Amino acid sequence: MAIVNWIKTIIEDINTIKEKDVAARNIFEVIFLYQGFHVLLAHRIAHKLLLWHIPFIPRMISQIARFLTGIEIHPAATIGKRFFIDHGMGVVIGETAIIKDDVLIYQGVTLGGTGKDLGKRHPTVGNFVTIGAGAKVLGNITIGDYSTIGAGSVVIDNVEEHCTVVGIPGHVVKQKVYVQGQLQHNRIPDPMQCELNRLKYEVQELKEIIKKIKE
């Protein structure tokens, strides 16, 4: 039964890549050419060995996978079903990170800690979350289901469900920008710019009022 479940999980991983990446033309490309699939397969083996309390070998598998793929996943990290790392170079996933089902992350993402705290010190990422390229999600925080982290954002606070986060530090905006199910990274609103625009218009209105008073 365990072997059957293992095979089902691998098939799910392959199908997930084919569904989410239009560049994946066939199963053979996914199996032989996708480092996101390779590192995930290595992680699932290392994680299982770690659960069996086997020392050294899980971390060695992790480091070999890091050398071959450019993606570092600690063996103790918990990863759910249908997880997809698109491209993946520079991705780092910490020891106590928890990633639930149907999560998509892009290259350069870090799920890291904020210091030398003990215990749970890495993020928990909910179901159906998308994390854009270069984003840093740091500390023992929770990213709610169906949320999106914009490219280059730095998130250090909890994010509720169905939210989009952009900026440094991350600010929550409610709009989610998708076209045919794909996140449009370049069209995510910037809350800081919106606030500056609002202040600019208010200043202009005040100038007009003052001008009328003087007249």
N, C-alpha and C. Protein backbone atom coordinates (compact mmCIF):
# COMPACT_ATOMS: atom_id res chain seq x y z
N MET A 1 0.83 -1.21 0.00
CA MET A 1 0.00 0.00 0.00
C MET A 1 0.86 1.26 0.00
N ALA A 2 1.93 1.26 0.78
CA ALA A 2 2.81 2.42 0.85
C ALA A 2 3.44 2.70 -0.51
N ILE A 3 3.83 1.63 -1.21
CA ILE A 3 4.45 1.80 -2.53
C ILE A 3 3.43 2.36 -3.52
N VAL A 4 2.19 1.88 -3.45
CA VAL A 4 1.14 2.37 -4.34
C VAL A 4 0.89 3.86 -4.11
N ASN A 5 0.83 4.27 -2.84
CA ASN A 5 0.63 5.68 -2.51
C ASN A 5 1.81 6.52 -3.00
N TRP A 6 2.99 5.96 -2.88
CA TRP A 6 4.20 6.66 -3.34
C TRP A 6 4.14 6.90 -4.85
N ILE A 7 3.74 5.87 -5.59
CA ILE A 7 3.63 5.99 -7.05
C ILE A 7 2.55 7.01 -7.42
N LYS A 8 1.42 6.99 -6.70
CA LYS A 8 0.35 7.96 -6.96
C LYS A 8 0.83 9.39 -6.73
N THR A 9 1.61 9.58 -5.69
CA THR A 9 2.13 10.91 -5.38
C THR A 9 3.06 11.40 -6.48
N ILE A 10 3.92 10.53 -6.96
CA ILE A 10 4.84 10.90 -8.05
C ILE A 10 4.07 11.25 -9.31
N ILE A 11 3.05 10.46 -9.63
CA ILE A 11 2.23 10.73 -10.82
C ILE A 11 1.52 12.07 -10.68
N GLU A 12 1.03 12.36 -9.45
CA GLU A 12 0.40 13.65 -9.20
C GLU A 12 1.37 14.80 -9.42
N ASP A 13 2.59 14.63 -8.94
CA ASP A 13 3.62 15.67 -9.12
C ASP A 13 3.88 15.94 -10.60
N ILE A 14 3.98 14.87 -11.38
CA ILE A 14 4.23 15.01 -12.82
C ILE A 14 3.06 15.71 -13.51
N ASN A 15 1.84 15.27 -13.20
CA ASN A 15 0.65 15.87 -13.82
C ASN A 15 0.49 17.34 -13.43
N THR A 16 0.87 17.67 -12.20
CA THR A 16 0.78 19.07 -11.74
C THR A 16 1.68 19.97 -12.58
N ILE A 17 2.89 19.51 -12.85
CA ILE A 17 3.81 20.30 -13.67
C ILE A 17 3.26 20.47 -15.08
N LYS A 18 2.72 19.40 -15.65
CA LYS A 18 2.17 19.47 -17.00
C LYS A 18 0.99 20.44 -17.07
N GLU A 19 0.20 20.49 -16.00
CA GLU A 19 -0.97 21.36 -15.99
C GLU A 19 -0.59 22.83 -15.80
N LYS A 20 0.43 23.10 -14.98
CA LYS A 20 0.75 24.47 -14.60
C LYS A 20 1.82 25.12 -15.46
N ASP A 21 2.54 24.34 -16.24
CA ASP A 21 3.61 24.91 -17.07
C ASP A 21 3.34 24.56 -18.52
N VAL A 22 3.01 25.59 -19.31
CA VAL A 22 2.70 25.35 -20.72
C VAL A 22 3.93 24.91 -21.50
N ALA A 23 5.13 25.12 -20.94
CA ALA A 23 6.35 24.69 -21.63
C ALA A 23 6.60 23.20 -21.49
N ALA A 24 5.89 22.54 -20.58
CA ALA A 24 6.06 21.10 -20.38
C ALA A 24 5.24 20.36 -21.44
N ARG A 25 5.90 19.91 -22.49
CA ARG A 25 5.18 19.36 -23.64
C ARG A 25 4.81 17.89 -23.47
N ASN A 26 5.57 17.17 -22.65
CA ASN A 26 5.24 15.76 -22.45
C ASN A 26 5.83 15.27 -21.13
N ILE A 27 5.46 14.07 -20.75
CA ILE A 27 5.88 13.51 -19.47
C ILE A 27 7.40 13.33 -19.41
N PHE A 28 8.01 12.96 -20.53
CA PHE A 28 9.45 12.71 -20.52
C PHE A 28 10.24 13.98 -20.20
N GLU A 29 9.77 15.12 -20.71
CA GLU A 29 10.44 16.38 -20.38
C GLU A 29 10.36 16.65 -18.88
N VAL A 30 9.21 16.40 -18.30
CA VAL A 30 9.04 16.63 -16.86
C VAL A 30 9.96 15.72 -16.06
N ILE A 31 10.00 14.45 -16.40
CA ILE A 31 10.79 13.48 -15.64
C ILE A 31 12.28 13.75 -15.74
N PHE A 32 12.76 14.10 -16.93
CA PHE A 32 14.21 14.20 -17.13
C PHE A 32 14.75 15.63 -17.07
N LEU A 33 13.91 16.64 -17.28
CA LEU A 33 14.43 17.99 -17.47
C LEU A 33 13.97 19.01 -16.43
N TYR A 34 13.07 18.65 -15.54
CA TYR A 34 12.53 19.62 -14.59
C TYR A 34 13.15 19.46 -13.21
N GLN A 35 14.00 20.44 -12.83
CA GLN A 35 14.69 20.33 -11.55
C GLN A 35 13.72 20.42 -10.37
N GLY A 36 12.57 21.10 -10.57
CA GLY A 36 11.57 21.15 -9.51
C GLY A 36 11.04 19.77 -9.17
N PHE A 37 10.87 18.95 -10.20
CA PHE A 37 10.43 17.57 -9.97
C PHE A 37 11.53 16.75 -9.32
N HIS A 38 12.76 16.93 -9.78
CA HIS A 38 13.89 16.16 -9.23
C HIS A 38 14.08 16.43 -7.75
N VAL A 39 14.07 17.73 -7.37
CA VAL A 39 14.33 18.07 -5.97
C VAL A 39 13.16 17.62 -5.09
N LEU A 40 11.95 17.66 -5.62
CA LEU A 40 10.80 17.21 -4.84
C LEU A 40 10.85 15.71 -4.60
N LEU A 41 11.27 14.96 -5.63
CA LEU A 41 11.42 13.52 -5.47
C LEU A 41 12.49 13.21 -4.42
N ALA A 42 13.62 13.92 -4.50
CA ALA A 42 14.69 13.73 -3.50
C ALA A 42 14.20 14.08 -2.10
N HIS A 43 13.43 15.16 -2.01
CA HIS A 43 12.94 15.58 -0.68
C HIS A 43 11.99 14.54 -0.09
N ARG A 44 11.12 14.00 -0.91
CA ARG A 44 10.17 13.02 -0.38
C ARG A 44 10.91 11.80 0.17
N ILE A 45 11.99 11.41 -0.49
CA ILE A 45 12.80 10.29 0.01
C ILE A 45 13.51 10.68 1.30
N ALA A 46 14.14 11.85 1.31
CA ALA A 46 14.88 12.30 2.49
C ALA A 46 13.95 12.50 3.68
N HIS A 47 12.77 13.06 3.42
CA HIS A 47 11.81 13.30 4.51
C HIS A 47 11.35 11.98 5.13
N LYS A 48 11.10 10.99 4.28
CA LYS A 48 10.67 9.69 4.79
C LYS A 48 11.77 9.04 5.63
N LEU A 49 13.00 9.12 5.17
CA LEU A 49 14.12 8.56 5.94
C LEU A 49 14.28 9.28 7.28
N LEU A 50 14.05 10.58 7.28
CA LEU A 50 14.14 11.34 8.52
C LEU A 50 13.05 10.91 9.51
N LEU A 51 11.86 10.65 8.99
CA LEU A 51 10.78 10.16 9.86
C LEU A 51 11.10 8.80 10.45
N TRP A 52 11.93 8.04 9.74
CA TRP A 52 12.38 6.75 10.26
C TRP A 52 13.57 6.88 11.20
N HIS A 53 13.94 8.13 11.52
CA HIS A 53 15.04 8.45 12.45
C HIS A 53 16.40 7.95 11.95
N ILE A 54 16.56 7.97 10.64
CA ILE A 54 17.86 7.62 10.06
C ILE A 54 18.72 8.88 10.04
N PRO A 55 19.90 8.87 10.65
CA PRO A 55 20.73 10.08 10.72
C PRO A 55 21.54 10.31 9.44
N PHE A 56 21.99 11.53 9.26
CA PHE A 56 22.96 11.94 8.26
C PHE A 56 22.48 11.80 6.81
N ILE A 57 21.98 10.63 6.44
CA ILE A 57 21.64 10.36 5.04
C ILE A 57 20.59 11.34 4.51
N PRO A 58 19.51 11.65 5.25
CA PRO A 58 18.53 12.61 4.71
C PRO A 58 19.14 13.96 4.37
N ARG A 59 20.00 14.46 5.25
CA ARG A 59 20.63 15.76 4.98
C ARG A 59 21.61 15.65 3.80
N MET A 60 22.26 14.53 3.67
CA MET A 60 23.17 14.33 2.55
C MET A 60 22.39 14.34 1.23
N ILE A 61 21.23 13.67 1.21
CA ILE A 61 20.38 13.67 0.01
C ILE A 61 19.96 15.10 -0.33
N SER A 62 19.61 15.86 0.70
CA SER A 62 19.21 17.25 0.50
C SER A 62 20.33 18.07 -0.12
N GLN A 63 21.54 17.88 0.36
CA GLN A 63 22.67 18.66 -0.16
C GLN A 63 23.05 18.25 -1.58
N ILE A 64 22.95 16.96 -1.87
CA ILE A 64 23.21 16.50 -3.24
C ILE A 64 22.17 17.10 -4.20
N ALA A 65 20.91 17.08 -3.77
CA ALA A 65 19.85 17.67 -4.59
C ALA A 65 20.07 19.16 -4.78
N ARG A 66 20.53 19.83 -3.74
CA ARG A 66 20.83 21.27 -3.84
C ARG A 66 21.94 21.52 -4.86
N PHE A 67 22.96 20.70 -4.83
CA PHE A 67 24.09 20.84 -5.77
C PHE A 67 23.63 20.64 -7.21
N LEU A 68 22.74 19.69 -7.42
CA LEU A 68 22.31 19.34 -8.77
C LEU A 68 21.23 20.27 -9.32
N THR A 69 20.41 20.84 -8.43
CA THR A 69 19.25 21.61 -8.90
C THR A 69 19.29 23.09 -8.55
N GLY A 70 20.12 23.47 -7.57
CA GLY A 70 20.10 24.86 -7.12
C GLY A 70 18.96 25.17 -6.18
N ILE A 71 18.27 24.14 -5.72
CA ILE A 71 17.12 24.30 -4.82
C ILE A 71 17.43 23.59 -3.51
N GLU A 72 17.26 24.30 -2.40
CA GLU A 72 17.57 23.72 -1.10
C GLU A 72 16.30 23.54 -0.28
N ILE A 73 15.98 22.29 0.03
CA ILE A 73 14.83 21.97 0.88
C ILE A 73 15.33 21.13 2.05
N HIS A 74 15.14 21.63 3.25
CA HIS A 74 15.57 20.85 4.42
C HIS A 74 14.73 19.58 4.52
N PRO A 75 15.34 18.44 4.84
CA PRO A 75 14.59 17.18 4.89
C PRO A 75 13.41 17.20 5.86
N ALA A 76 13.47 18.05 6.89
CA ALA A 76 12.40 18.08 7.88
C ALA A 76 11.20 18.91 7.44
N ALA A 77 11.35 19.70 6.39
CA ALA A 77 10.23 20.51 5.91
C ALA A 77 9.08 19.60 5.47
N THR A 78 7.86 20.03 5.75
CA THR A 78 6.67 19.25 5.41
C THR A 78 6.02 19.82 4.16
N ILE A 79 5.90 19.00 3.13
CA ILE A 79 5.37 19.45 1.84
C ILE A 79 4.18 18.59 1.45
N GLY A 80 3.09 19.24 1.07
CA GLY A 80 1.87 18.53 0.72
C GLY A 80 1.83 18.07 -0.72
N LYS A 81 0.63 17.85 -1.20
CA LYS A 81 0.44 17.28 -2.54
C LYS A 81 0.46 18.37 -3.61
N ARG A 82 0.83 17.94 -4.81
CA ARG A 82 0.76 18.78 -6.01
C ARG A 82 1.53 20.10 -5.84
N PHE A 83 2.69 20.02 -5.23
CA PHE A 83 3.57 21.17 -5.04
C PHE A 83 4.41 21.35 -6.30
N PHE A 84 4.51 22.59 -6.78
CA PHE A 84 5.26 22.84 -8.01
C PHE A 84 6.22 24.02 -7.80
N ILE A 85 7.50 23.78 -8.05
CA ILE A 85 8.51 24.83 -8.06
C ILE A 85 8.83 25.13 -9.52
N ASP A 86 8.41 26.29 -10.01
CA ASP A 86 8.61 26.65 -11.41
C ASP A 86 10.01 27.26 -11.58
N HIS A 87 10.81 26.69 -12.45
CA HIS A 87 12.22 27.05 -12.65
C HIS A 87 13.02 26.68 -11.41
N GLY A 88 12.93 27.45 -10.33
CA GLY A 88 13.40 26.97 -9.04
C GLY A 88 14.77 27.41 -8.57
N MET A 89 15.64 27.86 -9.43
CA MET A 89 16.99 28.22 -8.99
C MET A 89 16.95 29.21 -7.83
N GLY A 90 17.68 28.90 -6.76
CA GLY A 90 17.77 29.79 -5.62
C GLY A 90 16.67 29.65 -4.59
N VAL A 91 15.77 28.70 -4.77
CA VAL A 91 14.71 28.48 -3.78
C VAL A 91 15.30 27.86 -2.52
N VAL A 92 14.89 28.38 -1.35
CA VAL A 92 15.32 27.83 -0.06
C VAL A 92 14.09 27.61 0.82
N ILE A 93 13.94 26.40 1.34
CA ILE A 93 12.81 26.06 2.21
C ILE A 93 13.38 25.51 3.52
N GLY A 94 13.07 26.19 4.61
CA GLY A 94 13.67 25.90 5.90
C GLY A 94 13.13 24.66 6.60
N GLU A 95 13.79 24.33 7.68
CA GLU A 95 13.56 23.08 8.40
C GLU A 95 12.13 22.91 8.91
N THR A 96 11.55 23.95 9.48
CA THR A 96 10.21 23.81 10.09
C THR A 96 9.11 24.37 9.20
N ALA A 97 9.43 24.63 7.94
CA ALA A 97 8.41 25.12 7.01
C ALA A 97 7.36 24.04 6.76
N ILE A 98 6.12 24.49 6.61
CA ILE A 98 5.01 23.59 6.27
C ILE A 98 4.33 24.15 5.02
N ILE A 99 4.28 23.34 3.99
CA ILE A 99 3.63 23.73 2.73
C ILE A 99 2.48 22.78 2.49
N LYS A 100 1.29 23.31 2.39
CA LYS A 100 0.12 22.46 2.21
C LYS A 100 -0.08 22.14 0.73
N ASP A 101 -1.29 21.81 0.32
CA ASP A 101 -1.52 21.28 -1.02
C ASP A 101 -1.67 22.37 -2.08
N ASP A 102 -1.30 22.02 -3.32
CA ASP A 102 -1.54 22.84 -4.51
C ASP A 102 -0.87 24.21 -4.42
N VAL A 103 0.37 24.22 -3.93
CA VAL A 103 1.13 25.46 -3.81
C VAL A 103 2.07 25.60 -5.00
N LEU A 104 2.19 26.82 -5.51
CA LEU A 104 3.09 27.13 -6.63
C LEU A 104 4.07 28.21 -6.20
N ILE A 105 5.37 27.96 -6.35
CA ILE A 105 6.36 28.99 -6.06
C ILE A 105 7.32 29.11 -7.24
N TYR A 106 7.91 30.30 -7.38
CA TYR A 106 8.81 30.59 -8.48
C TYR A 106 10.25 30.71 -7.99
N GLN A 107 11.16 30.96 -8.91
CA GLN A 107 12.58 30.96 -8.58
C GLN A 107 12.92 32.05 -7.56
N GLY A 108 13.93 31.76 -6.74
CA GLY A 108 14.44 32.73 -5.79
C GLY A 108 13.62 32.91 -4.53
N VAL A 109 12.60 32.11 -4.34
CA VAL A 109 11.75 32.23 -3.14
C VAL A 109 12.47 31.65 -1.92
N THR A 110 12.33 32.34 -0.78
CA THR A 110 12.87 31.85 0.48
C THR A 110 11.74 31.70 1.49
N LEU A 111 11.61 30.52 2.05
CA LEU A 111 10.74 30.30 3.21
C LEU A 111 11.68 30.10 4.39
N GLY A 112 12.06 31.21 5.03
CA GLY A 112 13.15 31.17 5.99
C GLY A 112 12.77 31.63 7.37
N GLY A 113 13.78 31.65 8.25
CA GLY A 113 13.60 32.11 9.61
C GLY A 113 14.09 33.53 9.76
N THR A 114 13.98 34.05 10.98
CA THR A 114 14.40 35.42 11.25
C THR A 114 15.53 35.49 12.28
N GLY A 115 16.08 34.37 12.66
CA GLY A 115 17.14 34.37 13.66
C GLY A 115 17.45 32.97 14.12
N LYS A 116 17.84 32.86 15.40
CA LYS A 116 18.22 31.57 15.95
C LYS A 116 17.17 31.04 16.92
N ASP A 117 15.90 31.39 16.67
CA ASP A 117 14.82 30.90 17.51
C ASP A 117 14.73 29.38 17.43
N LEU A 118 14.30 28.78 18.52
CA LEU A 118 14.09 27.33 18.55
C LEU A 118 12.63 27.02 18.25
N GLY A 119 12.35 25.77 17.93
CA GLY A 119 10.98 25.37 17.64
C GLY A 119 10.55 25.79 16.25
N LYS A 120 9.26 26.05 16.09
CA LYS A 120 8.71 26.43 14.79
C LYS A 120 9.17 27.85 14.45
N ARG A 121 10.01 27.98 13.43
CA ARG A 121 10.59 29.27 13.10
C ARG A 121 10.51 29.60 11.61
N HIS A 122 9.81 28.76 10.86
CA HIS A 122 9.64 29.00 9.42
C HIS A 122 8.15 29.07 9.08
N PRO A 123 7.81 29.57 7.92
CA PRO A 123 6.40 29.82 7.59
C PRO A 123 5.57 28.55 7.40
N THR A 124 4.26 28.74 7.55
CA THR A 124 3.27 27.75 7.15
C THR A 124 2.50 28.32 5.97
N VAL A 125 2.54 27.64 4.85
CA VAL A 125 1.91 28.12 3.61
C VAL A 125 0.65 27.30 3.35
N GLY A 126 -0.48 27.99 3.23
CA GLY A 126 -1.76 27.31 3.07
C GLY A 126 -1.98 26.72 1.69
N ASN A 127 -3.17 26.19 1.49
CA ASN A 127 -3.53 25.55 0.22
C ASN A 127 -3.73 26.59 -0.89
N PHE A 128 -3.35 26.22 -2.11
CA PHE A 128 -3.57 27.03 -3.31
C PHE A 128 -2.92 28.42 -3.20
N VAL A 129 -1.75 28.46 -2.60
CA VAL A 129 -1.00 29.72 -2.49
C VAL A 129 -0.01 29.82 -3.64
N THR A 130 0.18 31.04 -4.16
CA THR A 130 1.19 31.32 -5.18
C THR A 130 2.19 32.32 -4.62
N ILE A 131 3.49 32.02 -4.74
CA ILE A 131 4.54 32.91 -4.24
C ILE A 131 5.42 33.29 -5.42
N GLY A 132 5.47 34.58 -5.72
CA GLY A 132 6.16 35.07 -6.90
C GLY A 132 7.67 35.04 -6.77
N ALA A 133 8.35 35.22 -7.89
CA ALA A 133 9.81 35.12 -7.96
C ALA A 133 10.49 36.09 -7.01
N GLY A 134 11.48 35.58 -6.28
CA GLY A 134 12.29 36.42 -5.41
C GLY A 134 11.65 36.81 -4.10
N ALA A 135 10.45 36.35 -3.83
CA ALA A 135 9.78 36.72 -2.57
C ALA A 135 10.44 36.04 -1.38
N LYS A 136 10.44 36.73 -0.25
CA LYS A 136 10.98 36.20 0.99
C LYS A 136 9.87 36.17 2.04
N VAL A 137 9.56 34.97 2.51
CA VAL A 137 8.54 34.79 3.53
C VAL A 137 9.27 34.30 4.78
N LEU A 138 9.30 35.12 5.83
CA LEU A 138 10.23 34.89 6.93
C LEU A 138 9.53 34.77 8.27
N GLY A 139 9.98 33.80 9.06
CA GLY A 139 9.50 33.66 10.42
C GLY A 139 8.35 32.68 10.55
N ASN A 140 7.91 32.48 11.79
CA ASN A 140 6.81 31.56 12.09
C ASN A 140 5.49 32.27 11.83
N ILE A 141 5.17 32.45 10.55
CA ILE A 141 3.94 33.12 10.15
C ILE A 141 3.12 32.17 9.28
N THR A 142 1.87 32.55 9.07
CA THR A 142 0.96 31.72 8.27
C THR A 142 0.47 32.50 7.06
N ILE A 143 0.57 31.88 5.90
CA ILE A 143 0.02 32.45 4.67
C ILE A 143 -1.29 31.72 4.38
N GLY A 144 -2.40 32.45 4.43
CA GLY A 144 -3.71 31.83 4.30
C GLY A 144 -3.98 31.22 2.94
N ASP A 145 -4.96 30.33 2.90
CA ASP A 145 -5.33 29.65 1.65
C ASP A 145 -5.68 30.66 0.55
N TYR A 146 -5.35 30.30 -0.67
CA TYR A 146 -5.70 31.06 -1.87
C TYR A 146 -5.07 32.46 -1.89
N SER A 147 -4.01 32.66 -1.14
CA SER A 147 -3.34 33.96 -1.15
C SER A 147 -2.22 33.98 -2.17
N THR A 148 -1.76 35.19 -2.49
CA THR A 148 -0.70 35.38 -3.46
C THR A 148 0.34 36.34 -2.90
N ILE A 149 1.61 35.97 -3.02
CA ILE A 149 2.71 36.83 -2.62
C ILE A 149 3.36 37.34 -3.91
N GLY A 150 3.38 38.65 -4.09
CA GLY A 150 3.93 39.23 -5.30
C GLY A 150 5.43 39.07 -5.39
N ALA A 151 5.96 39.10 -6.60
CA ALA A 151 7.39 38.95 -6.83
C ALA A 151 8.19 40.01 -6.08
N GLY A 152 9.26 39.57 -5.40
CA GLY A 152 10.15 40.49 -4.71
C GLY A 152 9.65 40.97 -3.37
N SER A 153 8.50 40.53 -2.93
CA SER A 153 7.96 40.98 -1.65
C SER A 153 8.70 40.33 -0.48
N VAL A 154 8.67 41.02 0.66
CA VAL A 154 9.22 40.48 1.90
C VAL A 154 8.09 40.44 2.92
N VAL A 155 7.70 39.23 3.31
CA VAL A 155 6.54 39.05 4.18
C VAL A 155 7.01 38.59 5.56
N ILE A 156 6.64 39.35 6.59
CA ILE A 156 7.05 39.02 7.95
C ILE A 156 5.86 38.94 8.91
N ASP A 157 4.64 39.11 8.39
CA ASP A 157 3.43 39.03 9.21
C ASP A 157 2.46 38.04 8.58
N ASN A 158 1.52 37.56 9.40
CA ASN A 158 0.51 36.63 8.92
C ASN A 158 -0.31 37.26 7.78
N VAL A 159 -0.73 36.42 6.87
CA VAL A 159 -1.57 36.85 5.75
C VAL A 159 -2.86 36.06 5.79
N GLU A 160 -3.98 36.75 5.73
CA GLU A 160 -5.27 36.06 5.75
C GLU A 160 -5.55 35.38 4.41
N GLU A 161 -6.62 34.61 4.39
CA GLU A 161 -7.00 33.92 3.16
C GLU A 161 -7.43 34.91 2.08
N HIS A 162 -7.21 34.51 0.82
CA HIS A 162 -7.69 35.26 -0.35
C HIS A 162 -7.10 36.68 -0.41
N CYS A 163 -5.86 36.84 0.02
CA CYS A 163 -5.22 38.15 -0.03
C CYS A 163 -4.04 38.12 -1.00
N THR A 164 -3.67 39.31 -1.46
CA THR A 164 -2.46 39.48 -2.24
C THR A 164 -1.53 40.41 -1.46
N VAL A 165 -0.25 40.04 -1.40
CA VAL A 165 0.73 40.82 -0.66
C VAL A 165 1.81 41.31 -1.62
N VAL A 166 2.14 42.60 -1.52
CA VAL A 166 3.20 43.17 -2.36
C VAL A 166 4.05 44.10 -1.51
N GLY A 167 5.30 44.32 -1.93
CA GLY A 167 6.13 45.35 -1.32
C GLY A 167 7.09 44.85 -0.27
N ILE A 168 7.93 45.81 0.24
CA ILE A 168 8.91 45.55 1.28
C ILE A 168 8.75 46.62 2.36
N PRO A 169 8.30 46.28 3.56
CA PRO A 169 7.72 44.98 3.91
C PRO A 169 6.37 44.78 3.21
N GLY A 170 5.89 43.57 3.21
CA GLY A 170 4.69 43.23 2.47
C GLY A 170 3.46 43.97 2.97
N HIS A 171 2.66 44.47 2.04
CA HIS A 171 1.38 45.10 2.35
C HIS A 171 0.29 44.29 1.67
N VAL A 172 -0.82 44.14 2.36
CA VAL A 172 -1.92 43.35 1.84
C VAL A 172 -2.83 44.20 0.97
N VAL A 173 -3.13 43.71 -0.21
CA VAL A 173 -4.17 44.29 -1.05
C VAL A 173 -5.17 43.19 -1.36
N LYS A 174 -6.39 43.56 -1.61
CA LYS A 174 -7.44 42.56 -1.76
C LYS A 174 -7.58 42.06 -3.19
N GLN A 175 -7.11 42.87 -4.16
CA GLN A 175 -7.29 42.49 -5.55
C GLN A 175 -6.36 41.34 -5.93
N LYS A 176 -6.84 40.42 -6.72
CA LYS A 176 -6.00 39.37 -7.29
C LYS A 176 -6.12 39.45 -8.81
N VAL A 177 -5.01 39.53 -9.49
CA VAL A 177 -5.02 39.78 -10.93
C VAL A 177 -4.65 38.50 -11.67
N TYR A 178 -5.64 37.89 -12.31
CA TYR A 178 -5.41 36.65 -13.05
C TYR A 178 -5.99 36.80 -14.45
N VAL A 179 -5.35 36.16 -15.41
CA VAL A 179 -5.87 36.04 -16.77
C VAL A 179 -5.82 34.57 -17.14
N GLN A 180 -6.98 33.99 -17.40
CA GLN A 180 -7.09 32.56 -17.72
C GLN A 180 -6.38 31.70 -16.66
N GLY A 181 -6.59 32.07 -15.41
CA GLY A 181 -6.06 31.27 -14.31
C GLY A 181 -4.61 31.51 -13.97
N GLN A 182 -3.91 32.38 -14.73
CA GLN A 182 -2.49 32.63 -14.49
C GLN A 182 -2.31 33.99 -13.83
N LEU A 183 -1.49 34.01 -12.77
CA LEU A 183 -1.21 35.25 -12.07
C LEU A 183 -0.42 36.21 -12.96
N GLN A 184 -0.89 37.46 -13.07
CA GLN A 184 -0.20 38.48 -13.84
C GLN A 184 0.67 39.30 -12.87
N HIS A 185 1.93 38.89 -12.71
CA HIS A 185 2.80 39.51 -11.72
C HIS A 185 2.96 41.02 -11.95
N ASN A 186 3.00 41.43 -13.21
CA ASN A 186 3.23 42.84 -13.53
C ASN A 186 2.01 43.70 -13.34
N ARG A 187 0.86 43.12 -12.99
CA ARG A 187 -0.37 43.90 -12.84
C ARG A 187 -0.90 43.89 -11.41
N ILE A 188 -0.11 43.36 -10.47
CA ILE A 188 -0.52 43.40 -9.07
C ILE A 188 -0.43 44.84 -8.57
N PRO A 189 -1.49 45.36 -7.92
CA PRO A 189 -1.47 46.76 -7.48
C PRO A 189 -0.42 47.01 -6.40
N ASP A 190 0.13 48.23 -6.41
CA ASP A 190 1.12 48.64 -5.41
C ASP A 190 0.42 49.55 -4.41
N PRO A 191 0.19 49.11 -3.17
CA PRO A 191 -0.55 49.91 -2.20
C PRO A 191 0.15 51.22 -1.84
N MET A 192 1.49 51.21 -1.82
CA MET A 192 2.22 52.43 -1.50
C MET A 192 2.02 53.48 -2.58
N GLN A 193 2.08 53.05 -3.84
CA GLN A 193 1.87 53.98 -4.94
C GLN A 193 0.45 54.51 -4.94
N CYS A 194 -0.51 53.65 -4.63
CA CYS A 194 -1.91 54.09 -4.56
C CYS A 194 -2.08 55.16 -3.48
N GLU A 195 -1.44 54.95 -2.33
CA GLU A 195 -1.55 55.91 -1.24
C GLU A 195 -0.89 57.24 -1.62
N LEU A 196 0.26 57.18 -2.28
CA LEU A 196 0.93 58.40 -2.72
C LEU A 196 0.07 59.15 -3.74
N ASN A 197 -0.57 58.41 -4.64
CA ASN A 197 -1.45 59.06 -5.61
C ASN A 197 -2.63 59.75 -4.92
N ARG A 198 -3.19 59.08 -3.91
CA ARG A 198 -4.30 59.68 -3.16
C ARG A 198 -3.87 60.97 -2.48
N LEU A 199 -2.70 60.96 -1.84
CA LEU A 199 -2.19 62.15 -1.17
C LEU A 199 -1.91 63.27 -2.16
N LYS A 200 -1.43 62.90 -3.35
CA LYS A 200 -1.15 63.91 -4.39
C LYS A 200 -2.43 64.62 -4.79
N TYR A 201 -3.51 63.84 -4.97
CA TYR A 201 -4.78 64.45 -5.36
C TYR A 201 -5.33 65.33 -4.23
N GLU A 202 -5.16 64.90 -2.98
CA GLU A 202 -5.65 65.70 -1.86
C GLU A 202 -4.89 67.02 -1.76
N VAL A 203 -3.57 66.95 -1.96
CA VAL A 203 -2.77 68.18 -1.94
C VAL A 203 -3.20 69.12 -3.05
N GLN A 204 -3.47 68.59 -4.23
CA GLN A 204 -3.92 69.41 -5.35
C GLN A 204 -5.25 70.08 -5.04
N GLU A 205 -6.17 69.33 -4.42
CA GLU A 205 -7.46 69.90 -4.04
C GLU A 205 -7.30 71.02 -3.02
N LEU A 206 -6.40 70.81 -2.04
CA LEU A 206 -6.16 71.83 -1.03
C LEU A 206 -5.57 73.10 -1.65
N LYS A 207 -4.66 72.91 -2.62
CA LYS A 207 -4.08 74.06 -3.30
C LYS A 207 -5.16 74.86 -4.03
N GLU A 208 -6.09 74.17 -4.66
CA GLU A 208 -7.17 74.85 -5.38
C GLU A 208 -8.08 75.60 -4.41
N ILE A 209 -8.35 74.98 -3.25
CA ILE A 209 -9.19 75.65 -2.24
C ILE A 209 -8.51 76.91 -1.72
N ILE A 210 -7.21 76.80 -1.42
CA ILE A 210 -6.46 77.96 -0.92
C ILE A 210 -6.42 79.07 -1.96
N LYS A 211 -6.25 78.67 -3.21
CA LYS A 211 -6.21 79.64 -4.30
C LYS A 211 -7.52 80.41 -4.40
N LYS A 212 -8.66 79.70 -4.26
CA LYS A 212 -9.96 80.35 -4.34
C LYS A 212 -10.16 81.29 -3.16
N ILE A 213 -9.70 80.88 -1.97
CA ILE A 213 -9.83 81.73 -0.79
C ILE A 213 -9.07 83.03 -0.97
N LYS A 214 -7.85 82.95 -1.51
CA LYS A 214 -7.04 84.14 -1.73
C LYS A 214 -7.68 85.07 -2.76
N GLU A 215 -8.35 84.48 -3.72
CA GLU A 215 -8.98 85.31 -4.74
C GLU A 215 -10.20 86.05 -4.19
